[in-house]
């Protein structure tokens, strides 16, 4: 690991101070203007030129060279709304011993400020073989279209990316994509007391049975099998009417072994219900195990694994690694917190890994 130097200590102090201000500034998805302003002020105070589109900000290292490849550092500054189980003020940065409490402290404030600190560490360097870009983005928690997706077209080609999400600084080398499919089984209405109609619920049940029992043949070595779950079902108007329609929703977590289009085609070919995909934006993502940034992490004794959850990594069309300080189990939980030592350790690990790649 990088020796704990005065520079790293200063970066850590600045990162924690920024995180405290972010916690105390509400930033629900689509309502991130105030936290965007805080990040803009931070960059301005550091004399870092930046660009902004809606509530997204991005910047490049001082000595950006278009002939060099670019690594992207990305995390989000929006949060979910606090649940009713909070016992602390979610918008107050409370420090108790090494714990920093507050909404978004773990997901993904700690990751974001650690990546910002890492970017600052490399900002003035003239010995880089890569450009280093930072993007602090919005709407991640709702997979919104006015977050990272609006920034990517403004960036140069990205060689690889590090996406900050709480992984305990372990290496999420693959991430499942997400399909949400709305399905409609169609029948014919009739009186329930007579042999009339064609019950749409029964048709839907046949299709749901196939979904429960079907296994996609290709299994990912890092992500395992494709997983399908029926999560919503609706039908009927009253007890004595045979329903002519039954709608149900399938949550599909897609691995790197299939495209989203291939999964949709296989499902539609095997069920009678109409299948409508809400989106095909959130694609599976991965990075090769022999990629230099992964090898640098493995050198530090970190574990590589496949993540079942979806992040903004799904919006990047380049090799990407999901990694950050904090623990995923704390995300969206009451009295969310991050250990401040996790932020310092995260900054050191980000820097150590990138030093092994961007200065060669």
Foldseek 3Di string as FASTA:
>chain_A
DDDPDPLLVVLLVVLVVLLQQLQLDAAAFVRNQVNLVSVVVVCVVLVFDWDDDRSKIKGKAPPDDPVAAEEEEEEESHFHDADPPAPDDQNGFDDDPQKTWHTCAQRPSLQLSLVVSLCSVCRHDPQWRHMYMYMYWGDFVVPDCRIVVVCVVVDDDHAEYEYEHAPQQFKAQKEWFKWKKKWKQFKFKDFQVDPDIGASVVQVVVLVVCLVPDWDPDADPFAGTKHKDWDDKDFDDDDGMRTGMIMIMIIITHTPVDQPVVVVVVSVVPGPIDIDIPDRQQHMAGADCPPQLNVQSVVVVHHYHHHHDTTCRSNDPHRYIYGHHHDPVLGSDHRRIGRSVSSSVRSVSVNSSVCRPTND
